[in-house]
Protein backbone atom coordinates (compact mmCIF):
# COMPACT_ATOMS: atom_id res chain seq x y z
CA LEU A 1 204.16 117.42 183.55
CA ILE A 2 205.20 115.11 186.38
CA ARG A 3 206.99 117.07 189.07
CA PRO A 4 209.09 115.17 191.65
CA THR A 5 208.66 115.84 195.32
CA VAL A 6 211.37 117.55 197.36
CA ASP A 7 212.23 114.20 198.99
CA GLN A 8 212.57 112.54 195.61
CA ARG A 9 214.88 115.25 194.38
CA GLU A 10 217.01 114.99 197.56
CA ARG A 11 217.35 111.23 197.29
CA GLU A 12 218.38 111.45 193.65
CA ARG A 13 220.85 114.22 194.44
CA GLU A 14 222.37 112.22 197.31
CA MET A 15 222.76 109.17 195.10
CA MET A 16 224.64 111.17 192.49
CA MET A 17 226.80 113.17 194.86
CA GLY A 18 227.69 110.11 196.89
CA ALA A 19 228.58 108.17 193.79
CA THR A 20 230.91 110.81 192.38
CA THR A 21 232.89 111.66 195.50
CA ARG A 22 236.25 111.93 193.75
CA GLY A 23 234.91 114.15 191.00
CA ALA A 24 232.52 116.22 193.06
CA THR A 25 235.07 118.77 194.23
CA ARG A 26 235.69 119.77 190.60
CA GLY A 27 232.07 120.02 189.58
CA GLY A 28 229.50 117.40 188.85
CA VAL A 29 225.75 117.29 188.86
CA ARG A 30 224.31 119.66 191.44
CA GLY A 31 220.60 119.02 191.14
CA ALA A 32 218.00 117.04 189.23
CA LYS A 33 214.53 117.18 187.81
CA CYS A 34 212.34 114.49 186.38
CA ALA A 35 211.47 115.13 182.77
CA ALA A 36 208.14 115.62 181.12
CA PRO A 37 206.94 112.70 179.01
CA ARG A 38 208.79 112.49 175.67
CA ALA A 39 210.96 115.44 176.59
CA LEU A 40 214.37 115.80 178.13
CA THR A 41 214.89 118.41 180.82
CA ARG A 42 218.31 119.49 182.02
CA PHE A 43 219.42 118.71 185.58
CA THR A 44 221.65 121.75 186.05
CA THR A 45 224.90 122.67 184.38
CA ALA A 46 228.02 122.90 186.45
CA ARG A 47 229.72 125.10 183.85
CA PRO A 48 228.59 126.85 180.69
CA CYS A 49 229.69 125.52 177.32
CA SER A 50 232.99 127.07 176.33
CA THR A 51 232.98 129.39 173.35
CA LYS A 52 235.12 128.11 170.48
CA VAL A 53 237.11 130.88 168.83
CA ARG A 54 238.59 130.25 165.45
CA ALA A 55 242.36 130.38 165.49
CA VAL A 56 242.53 132.61 162.49
CA GLU A 57 240.19 135.15 164.11
CA GLU A 58 242.50 135.22 167.12
CA LEU A 59 245.40 135.78 164.77
CA ASN A 60 243.64 138.62 162.99
CA ARG A 61 242.92 140.35 166.29
CA SER A 62 246.47 139.82 167.48
CA VAL A 63 247.89 141.36 164.31
CA ALA A 64 245.61 144.36 164.69
CA SER A 65 246.69 144.85 168.29
CA GLY A 66 250.38 144.30 167.64
CA GLN A 67 250.41 141.02 169.60
CA GLU A 68 250.99 138.67 166.68
CA GLY A 69 253.77 136.94 168.60
CA LEU A 70 251.14 135.26 170.76
CA PHE A 71 250.02 133.09 167.82
CA GLU A 72 251.83 131.13 165.15
CA ARG A 73 251.94 133.12 161.94
CA PRO A 74 251.34 131.29 158.66
CA THR A 75 254.29 130.85 156.30
CA VAL A 76 254.03 132.06 152.71
CA LEU A 77 256.53 130.71 150.18
CA VAL A 78 257.11 133.07 147.23
CA ALA A 79 258.60 131.02 144.41
CA GLU A 80 258.94 133.73 141.76
CA LYS A 81 259.75 137.44 141.79
CA LEU A 82 257.00 139.51 143.36
CA GLY A 83 256.69 143.27 143.68
CA GLN A 84 257.86 144.80 146.94
CA ALA A 85 254.42 146.20 147.77
CA GLY A 86 252.97 142.69 147.71
CA ILE A 87 255.75 141.31 149.88
CA GLU A 88 255.25 144.06 152.44
CA LEU A 89 251.54 143.29 152.59
CA LEU A 90 252.28 139.60 153.18
CA GLU A 91 254.80 140.39 155.92
CA LYS A 92 252.15 142.18 157.97
CA PHE A 93 250.27 138.90 158.34
CA SER A 94 252.72 136.07 157.78
CA ASN A 95 256.28 134.84 157.67
CA VAL A 96 257.50 135.26 154.10
CA GLU A 97 260.19 133.13 152.47
CA LEU A 98 261.53 134.28 149.11
CA ALA A 99 262.94 131.32 147.19
CA TYR A 100 263.27 132.11 143.49
CA ASP A 101 264.41 129.73 140.75
CA MET A 102 263.89 126.57 142.82
CA SER A 103 264.24 123.15 141.30
CA GLU A 104 261.31 120.77 141.56
CA THR A 105 263.09 118.89 144.34
CA GLU A 106 263.68 122.09 146.31
CA LEU A 107 260.04 123.10 145.94
CA LEU A 108 258.83 119.72 147.18
CA GLU A 109 261.06 120.07 150.23
CA LYS A 110 260.11 123.66 151.11
CA ILE A 111 256.38 123.18 150.57
CA LYS A 112 256.26 120.91 153.63
CA ASP A 113 256.61 123.97 155.86
CA SER A 114 254.39 126.36 153.88
CA ASP A 115 250.78 127.40 154.38
CA ALA A 116 250.62 129.32 151.11
CA LEU A 117 252.56 129.38 147.84
CA ILE A 118 252.78 132.26 145.37
CA VAL A 119 253.96 131.64 141.80
CA ARG A 120 253.92 133.29 138.41
CA SER A 121 253.87 131.25 135.18
CA GLY A 122 257.26 129.59 135.52
CA THR A 123 256.53 127.25 138.45
CA GLN A 124 254.52 124.09 137.93
CA VAL A 125 252.26 123.40 140.92
CA THR A 126 251.56 119.71 140.38
CA LYS A 127 249.72 117.07 142.39
CA GLU A 128 253.13 116.05 143.75
CA VAL A 129 253.43 119.49 145.35
CA PHE A 130 250.13 119.04 147.17
CA ALA A 131 251.08 115.52 148.21
CA ALA A 132 254.40 116.75 149.59
CA SER A 133 252.66 119.44 151.66
CA LYS A 134 250.75 116.69 153.53
CA GLY A 135 247.69 118.89 153.96
CA ARG A 136 249.46 121.98 155.25
CA LEU A 137 249.25 123.99 152.03
CA ARG A 138 246.02 125.99 152.19
CA VAL A 139 246.38 128.60 149.44
CA VAL A 140 248.11 128.82 146.07
CA GLY A 141 248.33 132.32 144.62
CA ARG A 142 249.00 132.85 140.93
CA ALA A 143 250.47 136.31 140.30
CA GLY A 144 248.66 136.78 137.02
CA VAL A 145 245.57 135.56 135.22
CA GLY A 146 246.28 132.13 133.73
CA ILE A 147 246.29 129.12 136.03
CA ASP A 148 247.26 126.35 133.61
CA ASN A 149 250.49 125.80 135.56
CA VAL A 150 248.47 124.91 138.67
CA ASP A 151 246.77 121.52 139.03
CA VAL A 152 243.45 122.93 140.23
CA HIS A 153 241.87 119.48 140.56
CA ALA A 154 244.65 118.32 142.89
CA ALA A 155 244.31 121.56 144.84
CA THR A 156 240.59 120.98 145.25
CA GLU A 157 241.10 117.38 146.33
CA ASN A 158 243.45 118.62 149.04
CA GLY A 159 241.18 121.44 150.20
CA CYS A 160 243.56 124.12 148.92
CA VAL A 161 242.17 127.41 147.60
CA VAL A 162 243.63 128.66 144.31
CA VAL A 163 243.52 132.43 143.78
CA ASN A 164 244.85 134.62 140.99
CA ALA A 165 245.22 138.31 140.13
CA PRO A 166 242.85 138.81 137.20
CA ASN A 167 242.59 142.60 137.18
CA ALA A 168 245.90 144.32 137.83
CA ASN A 169 247.62 143.42 134.54
CA THR A 170 244.57 143.79 132.28
CA VAL A 171 245.60 147.12 130.80
CA ALA A 172 249.26 146.13 130.49
CA ALA A 173 248.37 142.98 128.55
CA ALA A 174 246.01 144.89 126.28
CA GLU A 175 248.62 147.55 125.62
CA HIS A 176 251.20 144.91 124.73
CA GLY A 177 248.77 143.30 122.32
CA ILE A 178 248.27 146.63 120.59
CA ALA A 179 252.05 147.20 120.59
CA LEU A 180 252.58 143.88 118.80
CA LEU A 181 249.78 144.73 116.38
CA CYS A 182 251.35 148.07 115.45
CA SER A 183 254.86 146.62 115.40
CA PHE A 184 253.92 143.95 112.90
CA ALA A 185 251.79 146.25 110.74
CA ARG A 186 254.65 148.74 110.34
CA ASN A 187 257.59 146.31 110.48
CA VAL A 188 259.03 148.05 113.54
CA ALA A 189 261.03 145.04 114.77
CA GLN A 190 262.48 144.32 111.32
CA ALA A 191 263.31 147.99 110.74
CA ASP A 192 265.11 148.21 114.08
CA ALA A 193 267.16 145.09 113.32
CA SER A 194 268.02 146.47 109.88
CA MET A 195 269.15 149.81 111.26
CA ARG A 196 271.34 148.08 113.84
CA GLU A 197 273.09 146.38 110.93
CA GLY A 198 273.76 149.78 109.30
CA LYS A 199 271.18 149.31 106.56
CA TRP A 200 268.59 151.74 105.16
CA ASN A 201 265.89 149.46 103.70
CA ARG A 202 262.90 151.81 103.39
CA SER A 203 261.56 150.19 100.24
CA LYS A 204 261.62 146.69 101.74
CA LEU A 205 259.84 147.69 104.97
CA VAL A 206 256.55 149.05 103.65
CA GLY A 207 253.76 148.27 106.11
CA VAL A 208 249.96 148.29 106.11
CA SER A 209 247.47 150.72 107.61
CA LEU A 210 245.21 149.56 110.43
CA VAL A 211 242.30 151.84 109.54
CA ASP A 212 239.28 149.88 108.30
CA LYS A 213 241.01 146.58 108.89
CA THR A 214 239.00 143.97 110.80
CA ILE A 215 240.43 142.70 114.08
CA ALA A 216 238.87 139.49 115.43
CA ILE A 217 239.20 139.31 119.19
CA MET A 218 239.12 135.68 120.25
CA GLY A 219 238.06 135.73 123.90
CA PHE A 220 236.08 138.80 124.93
CA GLY A 221 236.92 139.01 128.62
CA LYS A 222 238.71 141.77 130.51
CA VAL A 223 241.81 141.95 128.30
CA GLY A 224 239.89 141.37 125.09
CA SER A 225 237.52 144.20 125.93
CA GLU A 226 240.43 146.57 126.55
CA VAL A 227 242.02 145.59 123.22
CA ALA A 228 238.70 146.30 121.52
CA ARG A 229 238.58 149.84 122.91
CA ARG A 230 242.10 150.58 121.76
CA ALA A 231 241.62 149.00 118.32
CA GLN A 232 238.55 151.16 117.78
CA GLY A 233 240.69 154.18 118.58
CA LEU A 234 242.96 153.12 115.69
CA GLY A 235 240.01 153.09 113.32
CA MET A 236 239.68 149.30 113.11
CA LYS A 237 236.49 147.31 112.74
CA VAL A 238 236.11 145.03 115.76
CA ILE A 239 234.42 141.65 115.83
CA ALA A 240 234.71 139.13 118.65
CA HIS A 241 234.13 135.47 119.37
CA ASP A 242 233.40 134.29 122.88
CA PRO A 243 230.62 131.76 123.60
CA TYR A 244 230.31 133.08 127.14
CA ALA A 245 230.33 136.84 126.47
CA PRO A 246 227.01 138.63 127.06
CA GLU A 247 225.51 140.25 123.98
CA ASP A 248 224.68 143.48 125.79
CA LYS A 249 228.32 143.96 126.87
CA ALA A 250 229.51 143.66 123.27
CA LYS A 251 226.83 146.03 121.95
CA ALA A 252 227.71 148.60 124.60
CA LEU A 253 231.28 148.62 123.26
CA GLY A 254 230.21 148.66 119.63
CA VAL A 255 231.56 145.16 119.05
CA GLU A 256 229.87 142.51 116.89
CA LEU A 257 229.80 139.01 118.42
CA VAL A 258 230.15 136.25 115.81
CA ASP A 259 230.71 132.51 115.83
CA PHE A 260 234.17 130.99 115.54
CA ASP A 261 234.04 130.15 111.82
CA GLU A 262 232.81 133.60 110.86
CA ALA A 263 235.53 135.26 112.91
CA VAL A 264 238.18 133.11 111.19
CA ALA A 265 236.83 133.98 107.75
CA ARG A 266 236.48 137.75 108.31
CA GLY A 267 239.52 138.70 110.38
CA ASP A 268 242.56 140.55 109.05
CA PHE A 269 244.21 140.52 112.47
CA PHE A 270 243.49 138.03 115.26
CA SER A 271 244.09 138.96 118.90
CA LEU A 272 243.94 135.86 121.12
CA HIS A 273 242.71 136.18 124.72
CA MET A 274 241.26 132.80 125.71
CA PRO A 275 242.44 130.64 128.63
CA LEU A 276 244.24 127.37 128.01
CA THR A 277 241.74 124.59 128.65
CA PRO A 278 241.17 121.16 127.08
CA SER A 279 238.73 122.79 124.64
CA THR A 280 241.16 125.58 123.61
CA ASP A 281 244.36 123.52 123.50
CA LYS A 282 245.76 123.96 119.96
CA MET A 283 242.50 125.58 118.92
CA PHE A 284 244.42 127.40 116.17
CA ASN A 285 245.53 124.48 114.08
CA ALA A 286 246.21 123.63 110.44
CA GLU A 287 242.54 123.59 109.46
CA VAL A 288 241.90 126.99 111.03
CA PHE A 289 244.91 128.60 109.34
CA LYS A 290 243.75 127.27 105.95
CA ASN A 291 240.44 129.09 106.43
CA MET A 292 242.03 132.49 107.19
CA LYS A 293 242.74 135.23 104.67
CA PRO A 294 246.22 135.15 103.08
CA ASN A 295 246.97 138.53 104.68
CA ALA A 296 245.90 137.39 108.18
CA VAL A 297 248.15 138.06 111.19
CA VAL A 298 247.82 136.18 114.50
CA ILE A 299 248.72 138.04 117.71
CA ASN A 300 248.91 136.05 120.95
CA VAL A 301 249.32 137.55 124.41
CA ALA A 302 247.16 134.87 126.08
CA ARG A 303 248.52 131.33 126.48
CA GLY A 304 251.03 129.65 124.18
CA GLY A 305 249.24 126.31 124.04
CA VAL A 306 246.22 127.65 122.17
CA ILE A 307 248.33 127.66 118.98
CA ASP A 308 249.76 124.56 117.28
CA ASP A 309 253.29 125.84 116.66
CA LYS A 310 254.09 123.39 113.87
CA ALA A 311 250.80 124.09 112.12
CA LEU A 312 251.49 127.84 112.31
CA ALA A 313 254.99 127.36 110.92
CA ASP A 314 253.59 125.29 108.05
CA ALA A 315 250.94 127.93 107.33
CA LEU A 316 253.63 130.61 107.12
CA ASP A 317 255.80 128.44 104.87
CA ASN A 318 252.83 127.83 102.56
CA ASN A 319 251.83 131.52 102.53
CA GLU A 320 248.42 130.62 103.95
CA ILE A 321 248.69 133.57 106.35
CA ALA A 322 250.95 136.62 106.45
CA GLY A 323 252.54 136.42 109.88
CA ALA A 324 252.33 136.28 113.66
CA ALA A 325 253.31 138.30 116.72
CA LEU A 326 253.74 136.14 119.80
CA ASP A 327 254.38 136.97 123.45
CA VAL A 328 253.61 133.52 124.91
CA PHE A 329 254.70 129.99 124.10
CA ALA A 330 253.71 126.44 124.92
CA VAL A 331 257.13 125.96 126.55
CA GLU A 332 258.80 128.98 128.10
CA PRO A 333 261.42 129.90 127.23
CA PRO A 334 260.94 128.30 123.80
CA PRO A 335 263.65 125.81 122.80
CA ALA A 336 266.08 126.65 120.03
CA ASP A 337 264.38 124.19 117.68
CA ASN A 338 260.98 125.88 118.00
CA PRO A 339 259.80 126.20 114.37
CA LEU A 340 258.74 129.83 114.89
CA MET A 341 262.16 131.14 115.95
CA GLY A 342 264.19 133.31 113.57
CA ARG A 343 261.46 134.03 111.04
CA PRO A 344 261.27 137.48 109.43
CA ASN A 345 257.45 137.39 109.44
CA VAL A 346 257.14 136.52 113.14
CA VAL A 347 257.63 139.06 115.93
CA LEU A 348 258.58 137.51 119.27
CA THR A 349 258.71 138.94 122.80
CA PRO A 350 259.57 137.05 126.01
CA HIS A 351 256.18 137.05 127.80
CA LEU A 352 256.09 140.79 128.46
CA GLY A 353 252.31 141.17 128.60
CA ALA A 354 252.26 142.08 132.29
CA SER A 355 255.73 143.59 132.40
CA THR A 356 255.11 147.20 133.28
CA VAL A 357 256.12 148.80 136.54
CA GLU A 358 252.50 149.58 137.33
CA ALA A 359 251.21 146.10 136.47
CA GLN A 360 253.94 144.33 138.42
CA GLU A 361 253.15 146.26 141.58
CA GLY A 362 249.40 145.91 141.02
CA VAL A 363 249.60 142.14 140.47
CA ALA A 364 251.78 141.75 143.56
CA VAL A 365 249.32 143.61 145.76
CA GLU A 366 246.28 141.89 144.24
CA VAL A 367 247.60 138.35 144.68
CA ALA A 368 249.02 139.09 148.14
CA ASP A 369 245.68 140.47 149.27
CA ALA A 370 243.87 137.40 147.88
CA VAL A 371 246.29 135.02 149.63
CA VAL A 372 245.97 136.80 152.98
CA THR A 373 242.19 136.87 152.65
CA ALA A 374 242.08 133.13 151.95
CA LEU A 375 244.45 132.36 154.83
CA LYS A 376 242.12 134.25 157.14
CA GLY A 377 239.33 131.89 156.09
CA GLU A 378 237.44 134.67 154.34
CA PRO A 379 236.07 134.46 150.77
CA ALA A 380 238.62 135.70 148.23
CA PRO A 381 236.96 137.38 145.23
CA SER A 382 239.48 135.82 142.83
CA ALA A 383 239.20 132.25 144.18
CA ILE A 384 239.21 129.80 141.28
CA ASN A 385 237.99 126.64 143.00
CA ALA A 386 236.03 127.87 146.04
CA PRO A 387 232.39 128.98 145.99
CA MET A 388 231.87 132.62 146.78
CA VAL A 389 230.28 133.06 150.19
CA SER A 390 230.17 136.65 151.38
CA SER A 391 231.88 137.47 154.66
CA GLU A 392 228.56 138.74 156.05
CA LEU A 393 226.77 135.48 155.22
CA MET A 394 229.68 133.43 156.54
CA LYS A 395 229.53 135.32 159.83
CA ASP A 396 225.78 134.75 160.10
CA LEU A 397 226.00 131.06 159.22
CA MET A 398 229.13 130.09 161.17
CA PRO A 399 227.31 129.06 164.39
CA ASN A 400 224.97 126.86 162.34
CA ALA A 401 227.93 125.53 160.36
CA GLU A 402 229.42 124.34 163.64
CA LEU A 403 226.03 122.90 164.60
CA ILE A 404 225.56 120.84 161.44
CA HIS A 405 229.18 119.67 161.56
CA LYS A 406 228.59 118.24 165.02
CA LEU A 407 225.19 116.80 164.11
CA GLY A 408 227.00 114.95 161.33
CA VAL A 409 229.48 113.58 163.88
CA VAL A 410 226.61 112.38 166.08
CA ALA A 411 224.95 110.71 163.08
CA THR A 412 228.13 108.74 162.34
CA ARG A 413 228.09 107.39 165.88
CA LEU A 414 224.56 106.08 165.36
CA GLY A 415 224.89 104.63 161.86
CA LYS A 416 227.50 103.11 159.57
CA ASN A 417 227.89 103.14 155.80
CA ILE A 418 226.01 106.42 155.52
CA LYS A 419 225.35 107.00 151.81
CA LYS A 420 222.40 109.38 151.85
CA VAL A 421 221.40 112.13 154.24
CA ARG A 422 218.41 114.42 154.09
CA ALA A 423 219.13 117.81 155.64
CA THR A 424 216.23 120.10 156.47
CA TYR A 425 216.91 123.73 157.34
CA LYS A 426 214.37 125.97 159.06
CA SER A 427 214.85 129.54 157.91
CA VAL A 428 213.10 132.89 158.04
CA SER A 429 213.79 133.15 154.30
CA PRO A 430 214.11 129.62 152.89
CA ASP A 431 214.10 130.66 149.23
CA ASP A 432 217.13 132.92 149.74
CA LEU A 433 219.16 130.68 152.06
CA ASP A 434 222.59 129.79 150.62
CA THR A 435 223.38 126.37 152.08
CA ARG A 436 226.83 125.72 150.59
CA LEU A 437 228.72 126.45 153.81
CA LEU A 438 226.27 124.31 155.79
CA ARG A 439 226.49 121.43 153.31
CA ALA A 440 230.29 121.52 153.37
CA ASN A 441 230.33 121.29 157.16
CA LEU A 442 227.83 118.43 157.05
CA VAL A 443 230.14 116.50 154.72
CA LYS A 444 233.03 117.28 157.07
CA GLY A 445 231.14 115.84 160.04
CA LEU A 446 230.12 112.72 158.12
CA VAL A 447 233.52 111.77 156.67
CA GLU A 448 236.31 113.35 158.72
CA HIS A 449 236.61 110.33 161.02
CA THR A 450 237.37 108.09 158.04
CA THR A 451 239.95 110.15 156.16
CA ASP A 452 243.22 111.98 156.67
CA ALA A 453 242.21 114.54 154.04
CA LYS A 454 241.31 118.02 155.15
CA VAL A 455 237.62 118.61 154.42
CA ASN A 456 236.55 122.19 153.81
CA LEU A 457 234.43 124.46 151.66
CA VAL A 458 236.79 123.95 148.73
CA ASN A 459 236.63 120.17 148.40
CA ALA A 460 233.54 119.06 150.33
CA ASP A 461 231.34 118.48 147.27
CA LEU A 462 234.14 116.63 145.47
CA ILE A 463 234.76 114.39 148.47
CA ALA A 464 231.03 113.64 148.74
CA GLU A 465 230.93 112.80 145.04
CA ASN A 466 233.97 110.52 145.25
CA ARG A 467 232.43 108.68 148.20
CA GLU A 468 229.02 108.47 146.50
CA LEU A 469 227.57 110.35 149.45
CA GLU A 470 224.27 111.96 148.50
CA ILE A 471 223.19 115.07 150.37
CA GLU A 472 219.52 115.94 149.85
CA GLU A 473 218.62 119.40 151.11
CA SER A 474 215.30 121.03 151.82
CA LYS A 475 214.44 124.43 153.27
CA VAL A 476 211.27 125.21 155.18
CA LYS A 477 209.87 128.28 156.88
CA GLY A 478 211.14 128.72 160.42
CA SER A 479 209.13 129.81 163.45
CA ASN A 480 211.22 132.89 164.26
CA SER A 481 213.29 135.59 162.54
CA ASP A 482 216.61 133.69 162.62
CA LEU A 483 218.36 133.06 159.32
CA VAL A 484 218.56 129.40 160.39
CA SER A 485 216.41 128.44 163.37
CA GLY A 486 216.95 124.69 163.26
CA VAL A 487 218.54 121.79 161.39
CA GLU A 488 217.46 118.15 161.16
CA LEU A 489 219.36 115.25 159.59
CA VAL A 490 217.70 111.97 158.63
CA THR A 491 219.49 108.94 157.19
CA GLY A 492 218.57 105.35 156.51
CA ALA A 493 222.09 104.06 157.19
CA ASP A 494 222.75 100.77 158.90
CA PRO A 495 222.06 101.46 162.59
CA VAL A 496 224.86 100.78 165.04
CA PHE A 497 222.42 101.23 167.92
CA PRO A 498 218.86 100.26 166.88
CA ASP A 499 217.48 101.60 170.15
CA PHE A 500 218.20 105.13 168.96
CA LEU A 501 216.12 104.83 165.78
CA GLU A 502 212.96 106.79 165.08
CA ARG A 503 209.67 104.94 164.90
CA ASN A 504 210.03 104.77 161.10
CA ASN A 505 213.43 103.07 161.52
CA LYS A 506 215.41 106.11 160.42
CA ILE A 507 218.35 107.71 162.20
CA ALA A 508 217.37 111.29 163.02
CA VAL A 509 219.30 114.04 164.80
CA GLY A 510 218.32 117.66 165.09
CA GLY A 511 219.62 120.80 166.66
CA LYS A 512 219.65 124.55 166.83
CA VAL A 513 221.89 127.40 167.92
CA LYS A 514 221.14 129.08 171.24
CA GLU A 515 223.11 132.12 172.34
CA GLY A 516 225.76 131.31 169.77
CA LYS A 517 226.26 127.70 170.89
CA PRO A 518 225.20 124.46 169.15
CA TYR A 519 222.60 122.31 170.89
CA LEU A 520 221.31 118.83 170.17
CA THR A 521 217.51 119.07 170.38
CA LYS A 522 216.43 115.76 168.83
CA LEU A 523 217.79 112.23 168.94
CA GLY A 524 215.55 109.59 167.44
CA ASP A 525 212.12 110.03 169.01
CA PHE A 526 213.47 112.00 171.96
CA ASP A 527 213.54 115.76 172.35
CA MET A 528 216.73 116.93 173.99
CA ASP A 529 218.59 120.02 175.17
CA VAL A 530 222.31 119.15 175.09
CA CYS A 531 225.15 121.56 174.40
CA LEU A 532 227.31 120.03 171.68
CA GLU A 533 230.70 120.97 173.01
CA GLY A 534 233.28 118.72 174.59
CA SER A 535 232.43 115.09 175.29
CA VAL A 536 229.03 113.55 175.86
CA VAL A 537 227.97 110.08 177.03
CA ILE A 538 224.46 109.13 175.90
CA CYS A 539 222.62 106.24 177.56
CA ARG A 540 219.43 104.60 176.28
CA GLN A 541 217.64 102.95 179.20
CA GLU A 542 214.44 101.85 180.83
CA ASP A 543 213.26 104.29 183.47
CA GLN A 544 213.68 102.81 186.92
CA PRO A 545 215.15 103.86 190.30
CA GLY A 546 218.91 103.85 190.84
CA VAL A 547 220.11 104.03 187.23
CA VAL A 548 221.35 107.59 187.51
CA GLY A 549 223.21 106.82 190.71
CA LYS A 550 224.91 103.72 189.29
CA VAL A 551 226.06 105.61 186.22
CA GLY A 552 227.43 108.41 188.38
CA GLN A 553 229.19 105.91 190.63
CA ILE A 554 230.98 104.25 187.70
CA LEU A 555 232.11 107.59 186.32
CA GLY A 556 233.27 108.80 189.73
CA GLU A 557 235.22 105.61 190.43
CA ASN A 558 237.11 106.24 187.20
CA SER A 559 237.83 109.90 187.99
CA ILE A 560 235.56 111.14 185.23
CA ASN A 561 234.01 114.47 186.15
CA VAL A 562 230.44 115.27 185.15
CA ASN A 563 229.71 118.83 184.02
CA PHE A 564 226.04 118.42 183.10
CA MET A 565 223.34 115.79 182.93
CA THR A 566 220.12 115.72 180.94
CA VAL A 567 217.55 112.96 181.38
CA GLY A 568 214.07 112.33 180.05
CA ARG A 569 211.51 109.61 179.53
CA THR A 570 208.44 108.83 177.51
CA GLY A 571 206.52 107.98 180.69
CA PRO A 572 206.93 106.51 184.19
CA ARG A 573 209.15 103.41 184.03
CA ALA A 574 209.14 103.62 180.25
CA SER A 575 211.86 104.43 177.73
CA ALA A 576 214.34 107.06 178.83
CA LEU A 577 217.42 108.80 177.52
CA MET A 578 220.26 110.29 179.54
CA ALA A 579 222.98 112.61 178.23
CA ILE A 580 226.01 113.25 180.44
CA GLY A 581 228.67 115.84 179.73
CA VAL A 582 232.10 114.67 180.90
CA ASP A 583 235.44 116.43 181.28
CA GLU A 584 237.51 113.30 180.66
CA LYS A 585 237.19 110.77 177.87
CA PRO A 586 235.88 107.44 179.21
CA SER A 587 237.85 104.36 178.25
CA PRO A 588 236.22 101.45 176.38
CA GLU A 589 236.21 99.58 179.70
CA VAL A 590 234.19 102.36 181.34
CA ILE A 591 231.70 102.37 178.48
CA GLN A 592 231.37 98.60 178.82
CA SER A 593 230.76 98.97 182.57
CA LEU A 594 227.95 101.43 181.85
CA LYS A 595 226.40 99.00 179.38
CA GLU A 596 226.34 96.32 182.09
CA VAL A 597 224.17 98.47 184.37
CA GLU A 598 220.74 96.89 184.69
CA ALA A 599 218.11 98.66 182.59
CA ILE A 600 220.66 100.35 180.27
CA LYS A 601 220.16 99.13 176.73
CA GLU A 602 222.89 101.03 174.93
CA VAL A 603 225.66 103.58 175.50
CA ILE A 604 227.46 105.77 173.00
CA PHE A 605 230.27 108.26 173.49
CA VAL A 606 230.55 111.32 171.27
CA ASP A 607 233.68 113.48 171.29
CA LEU A 608 233.10 116.88 169.71
CA PRO A 609 236.41 118.70 169.39
CA GLY A 610 237.52 120.98 166.60
CA LEU A 611 236.21 123.96 164.74
CA PRO A 612 233.92 124.35 161.75
CA LEU A 613 235.24 125.25 158.31
């Protein structure tokens, strides 16, 4: 370690203080040390790095303390009727606008001023909706289970979280399925219509018993499981088809899992509970109906599009199956020319699966809670397109998320056309470290300067894929007990400043979190100790007398205040690196003036505003 003499320190201090006369009264460098070889040692810091506080955390605290007026509340647009309990929950956190029965044009206009949108099944949330929001829309809440009326891909592209309410209406939907089952089996709807006409047609309305009949449940999720329990209570034999259902779950309920063809061949009644996806669209078609029993009855409380309406109508006309009971339709409400309307062997209800008082209130509270959770930046359990990261893990990783975000920004200042980055995380438990939040923030740091799109945990991987940006991650054992004790990024991108390259001609930046703040600890072959907050000027130079003073003079003459300075060298009068924290952004002319200082080889400016995801 080479220690400067007192006289040397005084001369260097005088040079700096004299050169920054106009900025000195507001701060500036107050002392200096020479650095050890190949290490950077801080001069002294005129002020500590400010602590960034996420806006949403401030808002949460203000709501809790009754001071929500100090911060702008998010706006939630409710496009379809929602239970009062859900609205009241939303109003505690946000401004709520109720706008039912909007046209598409009205929705596109209102969405511009909305942070969240809540819909049921009647509103189509298309890519045009996300485009019209211009990045403001952060959450779409679906008050129900199905999300086929929401363009999830467009939501993901725009960094918008999609949440639903998968639990609150489970029992209601199952009960309605059983109601349709019993209604069809005993001709309840036909008998009621007959009685209203003053008729007494007992002999024409003979039904069938459900005992010992086989019900095939197509989709063995939450609702399907509840239907199975109730069907067993009616004495029915229950089989199920679901390629994703665990065998042990079915066995525990006394249900036999079978493949699709076997279910079609064995079922007397079919209860449909699958989502509408490209693979289930019109899954029940002409060929399937031909393979059913002639006495088969199809009951649908799931999604209308899983049935080919024309094929079902043809099957009924040809007596290939006995009938159907439908609560959902491909187009709602169904048009008058729908081939299933007005048939005596088809029972129809207007999408009543979730229409109970209890379910309506439960769905409203569930979706409102999910929307508020997502707006707070916390993981919503019902998020459709966002990876689940627990709130505890997010809290632990947030300082390192900010660190890797800013390391990514620094890397983009050193290289262009970055296509591949190797990220190495040092962790006390590398095998258990969930890096999704860190990776998302790395992508944000690497691409945010080139796009207007909001980059966050929802769309980071998709953005990286679309840009052919490869993120290679590795996890190694750290030297202390911190969850993440250090991060290093290495890329072989085209160097903007070759003087900052490692010896192996790679761009390398590294850092760690100290006392909750992000620090740059490695730049190329140099070890550093620079707080990554605010604005930093980095100079690559040859070590010689007067360089520090000249740099300080140029900054002072342009009213740029210095808040810290870090300098180091590989040896006396050898390569050196200087990092200068500044309160004002230097103009391109100032940067050029610094480059013209003798012995300075390169200068870069890094502005590090903003918050992590």
